[in-house]
C-alpha atoms as a PDB file:
ATOM      1  CA  MET A   1       0.000   0.000   0.000  1.00  0.00           C
ATOM      2  CA  THR A   2       1.258   3.496  -0.864  1.00  0.00           C
ATOM      3  CA  ASN A   3       2.513   5.605   2.027  1.00  0.00           C
ATOM      4  CA  TYR A   4       0.547   8.854   1.794  1.00  0.00           C
ATOM      5  CA  GLU A   5       1.240  12.144   3.566  1.00  0.00           C
ATOM      6  CA  PHE A   6      -1.109  15.043   4.193  1.00  0.00           C
ATOM      7  CA  GLY A   7      -0.025  18.528   5.114  1.00  0.00           C
ATOM      8  CA  LEU A   8      -1.181  22.091   5.583  1.00  0.00           C
ATOM      9  CA  ASP A   9       0.417  25.139   4.006  1.00  0.00           C
ATOM     10  CA  THR A  10      -0.123  28.798   4.760  1.00  0.00           C
ATOM     11  CA  PHE A  11       1.405  31.928   3.310  1.00  0.00           C
ATOM     12  CA  GLY A  12       0.686  33.751   6.561  1.00  0.00           C
ATOM     13  CA  ASP A  13      -2.252  35.754   5.213  1.00  0.00           C
ATOM     14  CA  VAL A  14      -3.288  38.128   7.996  1.00  0.00           C
ATOM     15  CA  ALA A  15      -6.624  36.850   9.323  1.00  0.00           C
ATOM     16  CA  ILE A  16      -9.744  38.715  10.436  1.00  0.00           C
ATOM     17  CA  ASP A  17     -10.453  38.994  14.170  1.00  0.00           C
ATOM     18  CA  ASP A  18     -14.010  37.683  14.721  1.00  0.00           C
ATOM     19  CA  ARG A  19     -14.514  40.032  17.663  1.00  0.00           C
ATOM     20  CA  THR A  20     -13.675  43.279  15.853  1.00  0.00           C
ATOM     21  CA  ASN A  21     -14.132  42.435  12.144  1.00  0.00           C
ATOM     22  CA  GLU A  22     -10.711  44.016  11.652  1.00  0.00           C
ATOM     23  CA  ARG A  23      -7.476  42.445  10.483  1.00  0.00           C
ATOM     24  CA  PHE A  24      -5.161  41.203  13.183  1.00  0.00           C
ATOM     25  CA  SER A  25      -1.914  43.062  13.678  1.00  0.00           C
ATOM     26  CA  TYR A  26       1.132  41.299  12.285  1.00  0.00           C
ATOM     27  CA  ALA A  27       2.124  40.284  15.816  1.00  0.00           C
ATOM     28  CA  GLU A  28      -1.323  38.826  16.516  1.00  0.00           C
ATOM     29  CA  SER A  29      -1.301  37.048  13.157  1.00  0.00           C
ATOM     30  CA  LEU A  30       2.013  35.349  13.909  1.00  0.00           C
ATOM     31  CA  ARG A  31       0.787  34.213  17.315  1.00  0.00           C
ATOM     32  CA  MET A  32      -2.387  32.800  15.756  1.00  0.00           C
ATOM     33  CA  ILE A  33      -0.347  30.875  13.180  1.00  0.00           C
ATOM     34  CA  VAL A  34       1.469  29.208  16.069  1.00  0.00           C
ATOM     35  CA  GLU A  35      -1.935  28.243  17.504  1.00  0.00           C
ATOM     36  CA  GLU A  36      -2.951  26.841  14.106  1.00  0.00           C
ATOM     37  CA  GLY A  37       0.230  24.763  14.015  1.00  0.00           C
ATOM     38  CA  LYS A  38      -0.431  23.405  17.496  1.00  0.00           C
ATOM     39  CA  LEU A  39      -3.951  22.396  16.442  1.00  0.00           C
ATOM     40  CA  ALA A  40      -2.628  20.669  13.324  1.00  0.00           C
ATOM     41  CA  ASP A  41      -0.181  18.726  15.490  1.00  0.00           C
ATOM     42  CA  GLN A  42      -2.925  17.652  17.903  1.00  0.00           C
ATOM     43  CA  LEU A  43      -4.972  16.388  14.946  1.00  0.00           C
ATOM     44  CA  GLY A  44      -2.113  14.235  13.656  1.00  0.00           C
ATOM     45  CA  ILE A  45      -1.577  16.145  10.402  1.00  0.00           C
ATOM     46  CA  ASP A  46       1.774  15.134   8.895  1.00  0.00           C
ATOM     47  CA  VAL A  47       3.331  18.437   7.821  1.00  0.00           C
ATOM     48  CA  LEU A  48       2.942  22.188   8.328  1.00  0.00           C
ATOM     49  CA  ALA A  49       4.658  24.322   5.672  1.00  0.00           C
ATOM     50  CA  LEU A  50       4.953  28.097   6.030  1.00  0.00           C
ATOM     51  CA  GLY A  51       5.588  30.351   3.054  1.00  0.00           C
ATOM     52  CA  GLU A  52       8.151  33.155   2.962  1.00  0.00           C
ATOM     53  CA  HIS A  53       6.761  36.455   1.701  1.00  0.00           C
ATOM     54  CA  HIS A  54       7.677  40.109   1.984  1.00  0.00           C
ATOM     55  CA  ARG A  55       4.334  41.706   1.144  1.00  0.00           C
ATOM     56  CA  GLU A  56       1.721  43.734   3.003  1.00  0.00           C
ATOM     57  CA  GLU A  57      -0.944  41.004   3.147  1.00  0.00           C
ATOM     58  CA  TYR A  58       1.328  38.319   4.650  1.00  0.00           C
ATOM     59  CA  SER A  59       2.814  38.193   8.145  1.00  0.00           C
ATOM     60  CA  ILE A  60       5.480  35.508   7.653  1.00  0.00           C
ATOM     61  CA  SER A  61       8.764  36.869   6.333  1.00  0.00           C
ATOM     62  CA  SER A  62      10.911  34.550   8.498  1.00  0.00           C
ATOM     63  CA  PRO A  63       9.158  31.161   8.532  1.00  0.00           C
ATOM     64  CA  ASP A  64      12.002  29.393  10.325  1.00  0.00           C
ATOM     65  CA  ILE A  65      11.473  31.596  13.400  1.00  0.00           C
ATOM     66  CA  VAL A  66       7.752  30.766  13.514  1.00  0.00           C
ATOM     67  CA  LEU A  67       8.642  27.101  13.082  1.00  0.00           C
ATOM     68  CA  ALA A  68      11.149  27.370  15.933  1.00  0.00           C
ATOM     69  CA  ALA A  69       8.339  28.654  18.145  1.00  0.00           C
ATOM     70  CA  LEU A  70       6.374  25.546  17.157  1.00  0.00           C
ATOM     71  CA  ALA A  71       9.313  23.184  17.647  1.00  0.00           C
ATOM     72  CA  THR A  72       8.920  23.026  21.422  1.00  0.00           C
ATOM     73  CA  ALA A  73       5.112  23.394  21.379  1.00  0.00           C
ATOM     74  CA  THR A  74       4.369  20.413  19.100  1.00  0.00           C
ATOM     75  CA  ASN A  75       5.239  16.721  19.165  1.00  0.00           C
ATOM     76  CA  THR A  76       5.007  14.925  15.826  1.00  0.00           C
ATOM     77  CA  ILE A  77       4.178  17.293  12.971  1.00  0.00           C
ATOM     78  CA  LYS A  78       6.962  18.004  10.467  1.00  0.00           C
ATOM     79  CA  LEU A  79       7.872  21.681  10.429  1.00  0.00           C
ATOM     80  CA  GLY A  80       8.684  22.957   6.966  1.00  0.00           C
ATOM     81  CA  THR A  81       8.558  25.823   4.527  1.00  0.00           C
ATOM     82  CA  GLY A  82       6.645  26.354   1.351  1.00  0.00           C
ATOM     83  CA  VAL A  83       8.971  27.836   0.154  1.00  0.00           C
ATOM     84  CA  THR A  84      12.275  29.225   1.364  1.00  0.00           C
ATOM     85  CA  VAL A  85      13.357  31.626  -1.402  1.00  0.00           C
ATOM     86  CA  LEU A  86      16.885  30.290  -1.819  1.00  0.00           C
ATOM     87  CA  SER A  87      17.713  32.655  -4.686  1.00  0.00           C
ATOM     88  CA  SER A  88      17.710  35.677  -2.359  1.00  0.00           C
ATOM     89  CA  ASP A  89      19.122  33.832   0.656  1.00  0.00           C
ATOM     90  CA  ASP A  90      22.484  32.418   1.694  1.00  0.00           C
ATOM     91  CA  PRO A  91      22.798  28.616   1.420  1.00  0.00           C
ATOM     92  CA  VAL A  92      25.079  28.509   4.460  1.00  0.00           C
ATOM     93  CA  ARG A  93      22.600  30.441   6.574  1.00  0.00           C
ATOM     94  CA  VAL A  94      19.679  28.347   5.281  1.00  0.00           C
ATOM     95  CA  TYR A  95      21.457  25.192   6.365  1.00  0.00           C
ATOM     96  CA  GLU A  96      22.396  26.670   9.756  1.00  0.00           C
ATOM     97  CA  ARG A  97      18.844  27.838  10.486  1.00  0.00           C
ATOM     98  CA  PHE A  98      17.173  24.582   9.547  1.00  0.00           C
ATOM     99  CA  ALA A  99      19.786  22.373  11.189  1.00  0.00           C
ATOM    100  CA  THR A 100      19.063  24.398  14.333  1.00  0.00           C
ATOM    101  CA  LEU A 101      15.321  23.898  13.845  1.00  0.00           C
ATOM    102  CA  ASP A 102      15.910  20.188  13.314  1.00  0.00           C
ATOM    103  CA  ALA A 103      17.709  19.967  16.654  1.00  0.00           C
ATOM    104  CA  LEU A 104      15.004  21.904  18.520  1.00  0.00           C
ATOM    105  CA  SER A 105      12.236  19.765  17.006  1.00  0.00           C
ATOM    106  CA  ASN A 106      13.973  16.388  17.454  1.00  0.00           C
ATOM    107  CA  GLY A 107      14.394  15.783  13.738  1.00  0.00           C
ATOM    108  CA  ARG A 108      11.174  17.295  12.345  1.00  0.00           C
ATOM    109  CA  ALA A 109      12.594  20.121  10.216  1.00  0.00           C
ATOM    110  CA  GLN A 110      11.883  20.202   6.491  1.00  0.00           C
ATOM    111  CA  VAL A 111      13.041  22.927   4.128  1.00  0.00           C
ATOM    112  CA  MET A 112      11.451  23.439   0.723  1.00  0.00           C
ATOM    113  CA  LEU A 113      13.638  25.391  -1.662  1.00  0.00           C
ATOM    114  CA  GLY A 114      12.226  27.586  -4.403  1.00  0.00           C
ATOM    115  CA  ARG A 115      13.067  30.422  -6.747  1.00  0.00           C
ATOM    116  CA  GLY A 116      10.108  32.424  -5.485  1.00  0.00           C
ATOM    117  CA  SER A 117       6.895  33.189  -7.337  1.00  0.00           C
ATOM    118  CA  PHE A 118       7.028  36.676  -5.815  1.00  0.00           C
ATOM    119  CA  THR A 119      10.096  38.799  -6.429  1.00  0.00           C
ATOM    120  CA  GLU A 120      10.013  41.357  -3.574  1.00  0.00           C
ATOM    121  CA  SER A 121      12.874  39.636  -1.763  1.00  0.00           C
ATOM    122  CA  PHE A 122      15.356  40.271  -4.595  1.00  0.00           C
ATOM    123  CA  PRO A 123      15.687  44.076  -4.359  1.00  0.00           C
ATOM    124  CA  LEU A 124      15.041  43.868  -0.610  1.00  0.00           C
ATOM    125  CA  PHE A 125      18.207  41.804  -0.121  1.00  0.00           C
ATOM    126  CA  GLY A 126      20.255  43.385  -2.870  1.00  0.00           C
ATOM    127  CA  TYR A 127      19.858  40.900  -5.741  1.00  0.00           C
ATOM    128  CA  ASP A 128      19.323  41.659  -9.423  1.00  0.00           C
ATOM    129  CA  LEU A 129      16.276  40.046 -11.019  1.00  0.00           C
ATOM    130  CA  ARG A 130      18.263  39.650 -14.220  1.00  0.00           C
ATOM    131  CA  ASP A 131      20.184  36.926 -12.360  1.00  0.00           C
ATOM    132  CA  TYR A 132      16.958  35.133 -11.317  1.00  0.00           C
ATOM    133  CA  ASP A 133      17.803  31.742 -12.864  1.00  0.00           C
ATOM    134  CA  ASP A 134      21.555  31.814 -12.290  1.00  0.00           C
ATOM    135  CA  LEU A 135      21.161  32.683  -8.613  1.00  0.00           C
ATOM    136  CA  PHE A 136      19.026  29.637  -7.925  1.00  0.00           C
ATOM    137  CA  GLU A 137      21.205  27.304  -9.976  1.00  0.00           C
ATOM    138  CA  GLU A 138      24.362  28.281  -8.122  1.00  0.00           C
ATOM    139  CA  LYS A 139      22.786  28.369  -4.692  1.00  0.00           C
ATOM    140  CA  ILE A 140      21.055  24.997  -4.906  1.00  0.00           C
ATOM    141  CA  ALA A 141      24.354  23.495  -6.066  1.00  0.00           C
ATOM    142  CA  MET A 142      26.120  25.029  -3.059  1.00  0.00           C
ATOM    143  CA  TYR A 143      23.352  23.943  -0.686  1.00  0.00           C
ATOM    144  CA  SER A 144      23.539  20.360  -1.958  1.00  0.00           C
ATOM    145  CA  GLU A 145      27.232  20.284  -1.042  1.00  0.00           C
ATOM    146  CA  ILE A 146      26.674  21.796   2.410  1.00  0.00           C
ATOM    147  CA  ILE A 147      24.039  19.262   3.505  1.00  0.00           C
ATOM    148  CA  LYS A 148      26.437  16.379   2.910  1.00  0.00           C
ATOM    149  CA  GLY A 149      27.957  17.303   6.280  1.00  0.00           C
ATOM    150  CA  GLU A 150      31.546  17.327   5.048  1.00  0.00           C
ATOM    151  CA  PRO A 151      33.979  20.283   4.863  1.00  0.00           C
ATOM    152  CA  VAL A 152      33.037  22.435   1.875  1.00  0.00           C
ATOM    153  CA  THR A 153      35.346  23.950  -0.709  1.00  0.00           C
ATOM    154  CA  TRP A 154      33.415  26.219  -3.033  1.00  0.00           C
ATOM    155  CA  GLN A 155      34.194  28.864  -5.619  1.00  0.00           C
ATOM    156  CA  GLY A 156      31.280  31.247  -5.906  1.00  0.00           C
ATOM    157  CA  LYS A 157      30.133  33.855  -8.398  1.00  0.00           C
ATOM    158  CA  PHE A 158      26.892  34.920  -6.702  1.00  0.00           C
ATOM    159  CA  THR A 159      27.837  33.236  -3.421  1.00  0.00           C
ATOM    160  CA  GLN A 160      30.818  33.412  -1.115  1.00  0.00           C
ATOM    161  CA  SER A 161      33.851  31.198  -1.759  1.00  0.00           C
ATOM    162  CA  LEU A 162      34.765  28.641   0.907  1.00  0.00           C
ATOM    163  CA  GLN A 163      37.948  26.721   1.549  1.00  0.00           C
ATOM    164  CA  ASN A 164      37.571  23.443   3.451  1.00  0.00           C
ATOM    165  CA  SER A 165      34.918  25.057   5.672  1.00  0.00           C
ATOM    166  CA  THR A 166      32.867  23.044   8.162  1.00  0.00           C
ATOM    167  CA  ILE A 167      29.314  24.300   8.679  1.00  0.00           C
ATOM    168  CA  PHE A 168      27.626  24.026  12.076  1.00  0.00           C
ATOM    169  CA  PRO A 169      25.531  22.755  13.788  1.00  0.00           C
ATOM    170  CA  LYS A 170      26.015  19.204  12.623  1.00  0.00           C
ATOM    171  CA  MET A 171      22.920  17.093  12.068  1.00  0.00           C
ATOM    172  CA  GLU A 172      22.249  14.393  14.657  1.00  0.00           C
ATOM    173  CA  ASN A 173      23.080  10.785  13.812  1.00  0.00           C
ATOM    174  CA  LYS A 174      24.661  11.813  10.480  1.00  0.00           C
ATOM    175  CA  ARG A 175      21.228  12.563   9.045  1.00  0.00           C
ATOM    176  CA  THR A 176      20.748  14.763   5.991  1.00  0.00           C
ATOM    177  CA  LEU A 177      18.493  17.793   6.252  1.00  0.00           C
ATOM    178  CA  ASP A 178      15.063  16.880   4.849  1.00  0.00           C
ATOM    179  CA  THR A 179      14.784  18.955   1.670  1.00  0.00           C
ATOM    180  CA  TYR A 180      12.139  19.367  -1.037  1.00  0.00           C
ATOM    181  CA  VAL A 181      12.139  21.584  -4.116  1.00  0.00           C
ATOM    182  CA  GLY A 182       8.997  23.565  -4.892  1.00  0.00           C
ATOM    183  CA  VAL A 183       8.125  23.558  -8.593  1.00  0.00           C
ATOM    184  CA  GLY A 184       5.538  25.701 -10.356  1.00  0.00           C
ATOM    185  CA  GLY A 185       5.452  23.854 -13.661  1.00  0.00           C
ATOM    186  CA  SER A 186       8.855  23.975 -15.339  1.00  0.00           C
ATOM    187  CA  PRO A 187      10.424  20.797 -16.791  1.00  0.00           C
ATOM    188  CA  GLU A 188      13.863  22.316 -16.126  1.00  0.00           C
ATOM    189  CA  SER A 189      13.001  22.603 -12.430  1.00  0.00           C
ATOM    190  CA  ILE A 190      11.984  18.940 -12.326  1.00  0.00           C
ATOM    191  CA  LEU A 191      15.242  17.861 -13.940  1.00  0.00           C
ATOM    192  CA  ARG A 192      17.267  20.042 -11.571  1.00  0.00           C
ATOM    193  CA  ALA A 193      15.598  18.455  -8.538  1.00  0.00           C
ATOM    194  CA  VAL A 194      16.364  14.980  -9.898  1.00  0.00           C
ATOM    195  CA  ARG A 195      19.973  15.938 -10.543  1.00  0.00           C
ATOM    196  CA  TYR A 196      20.488  16.967  -6.927  1.00  0.00           C
ATOM    197  CA  GLY A 197      18.434  14.102  -5.520  1.00  0.00           C
ATOM    198  CA  PHE A 198      15.593  16.120  -3.970  1.00  0.00           C
ATOM    199  CA  PRO A 199      11.876  15.232  -3.870  1.00  0.00           C
ATOM    200  CA  VAL A 200       9.458  17.692  -5.464  1.00  0.00           C
ATOM    201  CA  MET A 201       6.316  19.575  -4.446  1.00  0.00           C
ATOM    202  CA  LEU A 202       4.145  20.812  -7.316  1.00  0.00           C
ATOM    203  CA  ALA A 203       2.363  24.124  -6.766  1.00  0.00           C
ATOM    204  CA  ILE A 204      -0.974  23.505  -8.489  1.00  0.00           C
ATOM    205  CA  ILE A 205      -2.966  26.682  -7.950  1.00  0.00           C
ATOM    206  CA  GLY A 206      -5.185  26.731 -11.018  1.00  0.00           C
ATOM    207  CA  GLY A 207      -6.469  24.630 -13.891  1.00  0.00           C
ATOM    208  CA  GLU A 208      -7.086  20.916 -14.119  1.00  0.00           C
ATOM    209  CA  PRO A 209      -4.624  19.137 -11.799  1.00  0.00           C
ATOM    210  CA  ALA A 210      -4.144  16.146 -14.119  1.00  0.00           C
ATOM    211  CA  ARG A 211      -2.152  18.333 -16.511  1.00  0.00           C
ATOM    212  CA  PHE A 212       0.705  18.068 -13.998  1.00  0.00           C
ATOM    213  CA  ALA A 213       0.898  14.276 -14.289  1.00  0.00           C
ATOM    214  CA  PRO A 214       3.553  14.527 -17.064  1.00  0.00           C
ATOM    215  CA  TYR A 215       5.855  16.289 -14.583  1.00  0.00           C
ATOM    216  CA  VAL A 216       5.608  13.336 -12.201  1.00  0.00           C
ATOM    217  CA  ASN A 217       6.308  11.003 -15.090  1.00  0.00           C
ATOM    218  CA  LEU A 218       9.267  13.160 -16.142  1.00  0.00           C
ATOM    219  CA  TYR A 219      10.665  13.054 -12.608  1.00  0.00           C
ATOM    220  CA  GLN A 220      10.471   9.263 -12.505  1.00  0.00           C
ATOM    221  CA  ARG A 221      11.933   8.760 -15.994  1.00  0.00           C
ATOM    222  CA  ALA A 222      14.752  11.231 -15.383  1.00  0.00           C
ATOM    223  CA  ALA A 223      15.629   9.621 -12.064  1.00  0.00           C
ATOM    224  CA  LYS A 224      16.008   6.263 -13.772  1.00  0.00           C
ATOM    225  CA  GLN A 225      18.103   7.714 -16.595  1.00  0.00           C
ATOM    226  CA  MET A 226      20.356   9.653 -14.219  1.00  0.00           C
ATOM    227  CA  ASN A 227      20.582   6.712 -11.828  1.00  0.00           C
ATOM    228  CA  ARG A 228      19.121   8.857  -9.059  1.00  0.00           C
ATOM    229  CA  PRO A 229      16.613   7.728  -6.419  1.00  0.00           C
ATOM    230  CA  ILE A 230      12.933   7.948  -7.346  1.00  0.00           C
ATOM    231  CA  LEU A 231      11.726  10.113  -4.477  1.00  0.00           C
ATOM    232  CA  PRO A 232       8.198  11.212  -3.523  1.00  0.00           C
ATOM    233  CA  VAL A 233       6.360  13.890  -5.461  1.00  0.00           C
ATOM    234  CA  GLY A 234       3.683  15.952  -3.734  1.00  0.00           C
ATOM    235  CA  MET A 235       1.296  18.751  -4.599  1.00  0.00           C
ATOM    236  CA  HIS A 236      -0.300  21.680  -2.855  1.00  0.00           C
ATOM    237  CA  SER A 237      -3.498  23.528  -3.709  1.00  0.00           C
ATOM    238  CA  HIS A 238      -5.852  26.032  -2.128  1.00  0.00           C
ATOM    239  CA  GLY A 239      -8.901  24.966  -0.169  1.00  0.00           C
ATOM    240  CA  VAL A 240     -11.636  25.893   2.286  1.00  0.00           C
ATOM    241  CA  ILE A 241     -13.555  23.319   4.330  1.00  0.00           C
ATOM    242  CA  ALA A 242     -16.753  24.080   6.242  1.00  0.00           C
ATOM    243  CA  ASP A 243     -19.796  22.223   7.539  1.00  0.00           C
ATOM    244  CA  THR A 244     -21.665  22.718   4.265  1.00  0.00           C
ATOM    245  CA  ASN A 245     -20.705  23.182   0.641  1.00  0.00           C
ATOM    246  CA  GLU A 246     -22.552  26.490   0.545  1.00  0.00           C
ATOM    247  CA  GLU A 247     -20.688  27.922   3.512  1.00  0.00           C
ATOM    248  CA  ALA A 248     -17.289  26.833   2.188  1.00  0.00           C
ATOM    249  CA  TYR A 249     -18.083  28.247  -1.267  1.00  0.00           C
ATOM    250  CA  GLN A 250     -19.014  31.641   0.170  1.00  0.00           C
ATOM    251  CA  ILE A 251     -15.820  31.867   2.245  1.00  0.00           C
ATOM    252  CA  ALA A 252     -13.714  30.896  -0.767  1.00  0.00           C
ATOM    253  CA  TRP A 253     -15.486  33.377  -3.032  1.00  0.00           C
ATOM    254  CA  ASP A 254     -15.101  36.199  -0.520  1.00  0.00           C
ATOM    255  CA  TYR A 255     -11.426  35.591   0.297  1.00  0.00           C
ATOM    256  CA  LEU A 256      -9.726  33.218  -2.146  1.00  0.00           C
ATOM    257  CA  LYS A 257     -11.043  35.102  -5.181  1.00  0.00           C
ATOM    258  CA  THR A 258      -9.953  38.398  -3.615  1.00  0.00           C
ATOM    259  CA  SER A 259      -6.464  37.013  -2.988  1.00  0.00           C
ATOM    260  CA  MET A 260      -6.105  35.706  -6.539  1.00  0.00           C
ATOM    261  CA  ASP A 261      -7.348  38.980  -8.019  1.00  0.00           C
ATOM    262  CA  ARG A 262      -4.841  40.916  -5.942  1.00  0.00           C
ATOM    263  CA  ILE A 263      -1.960  38.707  -7.057  1.00  0.00           C
ATOM    264  CA  GLY A 264      -3.250  38.893 -10.609  1.00  0.00           C
ATOM    265  CA  MET A 265      -2.939  42.671 -10.626  1.00  0.00           C
ATOM    266  CA  ASP A 266       0.840  42.238 -10.249  1.00  0.00           C
ATOM    267  CA  ARG A 267       1.109  39.442 -12.796  1.00  0.00           C
ATOM    268  CA  GLY A 268      -1.247  40.639 -15.482  1.00  0.00           C
ATOM    269  CA  TRP A 269      -3.938  37.995 -14.885  1.00  0.00           C
ATOM    270  CA  ALA A 270      -7.566  38.713 -15.694  1.00  0.00           C
ATOM    271  CA  LYS A 271      -9.880  38.999 -12.699  1.00  0.00           C
ATOM    272  CA  MET A 272     -11.495  35.768 -11.556  1.00  0.00           C
ATOM    273  CA  THR A 273     -14.936  35.346 -13.112  1.00  0.00           C
ATOM    274  CA  LYS A 274     -17.667  33.336 -11.422  1.00  0.00           C
ATOM    275  CA  GLU A 275     -17.532  30.824 -14.277  1.00  0.00           C
ATOM    276  CA  ARG A 276     -13.812  30.339 -13.816  1.00  0.00           C
ATOM    277  CA  PHE A 277     -14.179  30.118 -10.048  1.00  0.00           C
ATOM    278  CA  ASP A 278     -16.922  27.492 -10.361  1.00  0.00           C
ATOM    279  CA  PHE A 279     -14.705  25.477 -12.699  1.00  0.00           C
ATOM    280  CA  GLU A 280     -11.840  25.564 -10.190  1.00  0.00           C
ATOM    281  CA  VAL A 281     -14.152  24.345  -7.434  1.00  0.00           C
ATOM    282  CA  SER A 282     -15.744  21.557  -9.476  1.00  0.00           C
ATOM    283  CA  GLU A 283     -12.953  20.392 -11.806  1.00  0.00           C
ATOM    284  CA  GLY A 284      -9.902  22.523 -11.147  1.00  0.00           C
ATOM    285  CA  SER A 285      -7.483  23.155  -8.310  1.00  0.00           C
ATOM    286  CA  TYR A 286      -9.673  24.552  -5.505  1.00  0.00           C
ATOM    287  CA  TYR A 287     -10.711  22.094  -2.782  1.00  0.00           C
ATOM    288  CA  VAL A 288     -13.811  23.799  -1.458  1.00  0.00           C
ATOM    289  CA  GLY A 289     -16.774  22.222   0.299  1.00  0.00           C
ATOM    290  CA  ASP A 290     -17.882  20.054   3.163  1.00  0.00           C
ATOM    291  CA  PRO A 291     -15.514  17.292   4.343  1.00  0.00           C
ATOM    292  CA  GLU A 292     -16.971  14.590   2.094  1.00  0.00           C
ATOM    293  CA  THR A 293     -16.843  16.789  -1.009  1.00  0.00           C
ATOM    294  CA  VAL A 294     -13.235  17.808  -0.376  1.00  0.00           C
ATOM    295  CA  ALA A 295     -12.134  14.278   0.543  1.00  0.00           C
ATOM    296  CA  LYS A 296     -13.588  12.798  -2.637  1.00  0.00           C
ATOM    297  CA  LYS A 297     -11.904  15.420  -4.791  1.00  0.00           C
ATOM    298  CA  ILE A 298      -8.496  14.904  -3.142  1.00  0.00           C
ATOM    299  CA  ALA A 299      -8.862  11.116  -3.477  1.00  0.00           C
ATOM    300  CA  ARG A 300      -9.698  11.491  -7.185  1.00  0.00           C
ATOM    301  CA  THR A 301      -6.871  13.903  -7.840  1.00  0.00           C
ATOM    302  CA  MET A 302      -3.885  12.268  -6.141  1.00  0.00           C
ATOM    303  CA  PRO A 303      -3.840   9.117  -8.333  1.00  0.00           C
ATOM    304  CA  LYS A 304      -4.482  11.181 -11.484  1.00  0.00           C
ATOM    305  CA  VAL A 305      -1.475  13.371 -10.834  1.00  0.00           C
ATOM    306  CA  GLY A 306       0.606  10.522  -9.399  1.00  0.00           C
ATOM    307  CA  VAL A 307       1.490  12.097  -6.055  1.00  0.00           C
ATOM    308  CA  ASN A 308       1.703  10.568  -2.599  1.00  0.00           C
ATOM    309  CA  ARG A 309       1.569  13.848  -0.644  1.00  0.00           C
ATOM    310  CA  PHE A 310      -1.191  16.437  -0.636  1.00  0.00           C
ATOM    311  CA  ASP A 311      -0.930  19.778   1.166  1.00  0.00           C
ATOM    312  CA  LEU A 312      -3.991  21.977   1.561  1.00  0.00           C
ATOM    313  CA  VAL A 313      -3.199  25.696   1.358  1.00  0.00           C
ATOM    314  CA  TYR A 314      -5.531  27.319   3.871  1.00  0.00           C
ATOM    315  CA  GLY A 315      -6.356  30.881   4.890  1.00  0.00           C
ATOM    316  CA  ALA A 316      -5.909  32.545   1.480  1.00  0.00           C
ATOM    317  CA  GLY A 317      -6.975  36.175   1.544  1.00  0.00           C
ATOM    318  CA  GLY A 318      -6.982  36.264   5.328  1.00  0.00           C
ATOM    319  CA  GLN A 319     -10.417  34.849   6.259  1.00  0.00           C
ATOM    320  CA  ARG A 320     -11.976  34.936   9.704  1.00  0.00           C
ATOM    321  CA  GLN A 321      -9.874  33.203  12.299  1.00  0.00           C
ATOM    322  CA  THR A 322     -12.715  30.861  13.285  1.00  0.00           C
ATOM    323  CA  ASP A 323     -13.065  29.752   9.648  1.00  0.00           C
ATOM    324  CA  ARG A 324      -9.349  29.043   9.436  1.00  0.00           C
ATOM    325  CA  PHE A 325      -9.502  26.907  12.565  1.00  0.00           C
ATOM    326  CA  LYS A 326     -12.583  25.148  11.157  1.00  0.00           C
ATOM    327  CA  THR A 327     -10.771  24.232   7.938  1.00  0.00           C
ATOM    328  CA  ILE A 328      -7.858  22.795   9.927  1.00  0.00           C
ATOM    329  CA  GLN A 329     -10.162  20.903  12.307  1.00  0.00           C
ATOM    330  CA  LEU A 330     -12.261  19.303   9.572  1.00  0.00           C
ATOM    331  CA  TYR A 331      -9.208  18.535   7.439  1.00  0.00           C
ATOM    332  CA  GLY A 332      -7.479  16.669  10.255  1.00  0.00           C
ATOM    333  CA  GLU A 333     -10.479  15.000  11.877  1.00  0.00           C
ATOM    334  CA  VAL A 334     -12.601  14.054   8.870  1.00  0.00           C
ATOM    335  CA  VAL A 335     -11.025  14.733   5.465  1.00  0.00           C
ATOM    336  CA  ILE A 336      -7.666  13.005   5.864  1.00  0.00           C
ATOM    337  CA  PRO A 337      -9.082   9.756   7.324  1.00  0.00           C
ATOM    338  CA  ARG A 338     -11.739   9.711   4.600  1.00  0.00           C
ATOM    339  CA  VAL A 339      -9.195  10.310   1.814  1.00  0.00           C
ATOM    340  CA  LYS A 340      -7.104   7.426   3.137  1.00  0.00           C
ATOM    341  CA  GLU A 341     -10.197   5.183   3.074  1.00  0.00           C
ATOM    342  CA  LEU A 342     -11.028   6.143  -0.495  1.00  0.00           C
ATOM    343  CA  LEU A 343      -7.453   5.701  -1.702  1.00  0.00           C
ATOM    344  CA  ALA A 344      -7.237   2.283  -0.029  1.00  0.00           C
ATOM    345  CA  GLU A 345     -10.509   1.263  -1.712  1.00  0.00           C
ATOM    346  CA  GLY A 346      -9.129   2.421  -5.052  1.00  0.00           C
ATOM    347  CA  GLU A 347      -5.908   0.435  -4.594  1.00  0.00           C
ATOM    348  CA  SER A 348      -7.795  -2.700  -3.589  1.00  0.00           C
ATOM    349  CA  ASN A 349      -9.949  -2.468  -6.737  1.00  0.00           C
ATOM    350  CA  GLU A 350      -6.962  -2.196  -9.079  1.00  0.00           C
END
């Protein structure tokens, strides 16, 4: 039987305080995200991944610090990112931060590396967007050497040069830092992940999910050809879960549509129409509805895409804090067990 994993992702959208109908402050938002992570842990959810953003609507610019707060307040949940923008970061510092998190959490740290779908971090940290691709290529190569745990000699163009340098802290029991690569839909990104021996998470935020199945197939074929391990491939997509389909739909329309329209203004996307939104809910990449509706859609989608990990992106656009907690509660208590049942039934009928 396939070993499935189910996670939660948040970009740190600042939520709405039910008592005041106003947005939380950034400080309150960060404290509430810690409470959300504690709830996810209590429910037995496998992974919590926090996104790194440097924008007005998001409160998490340093996900590893929020995860460190969760490290000693949770017991079993993996504590990861979705993603760490490696292109505008320092591979040495990334390793040091997450090796520290791994120690504090007794081996539960997970870093997901990405180039960044938002670009605010590049000028903020002094990087030129013209070097967007080259920065990531060099830095992931350097990172892959660092996590081997041996002294590093490195000649950098966009990074520092090192001569037989040992990076601390060392991982316990000679483990390697658990690392994924986040991919938005580029074959080159898939091949790069295979080359360095990292599993992949597909960001599927719109359209029919099955169109990403060729990327999973490419990963598996490339791994065989390069004589690299065939590692897990996962996916993440937006969702809202409520007691009824109608309630979940209204929350998603009010907040998820608003979030996508706001992002679209920066990227030149057309505003979300009701027809397009309805397609995403019924056939596309939004997992919106009551627990049974969402569970059935996840269970249909995972085999079609070929993934063994599904992360639900919750809280898009902010949303009321009670609705965010409700999505987490229903996802952990009802949706995940039901998806596992449906997937097991599907495997037994093959």
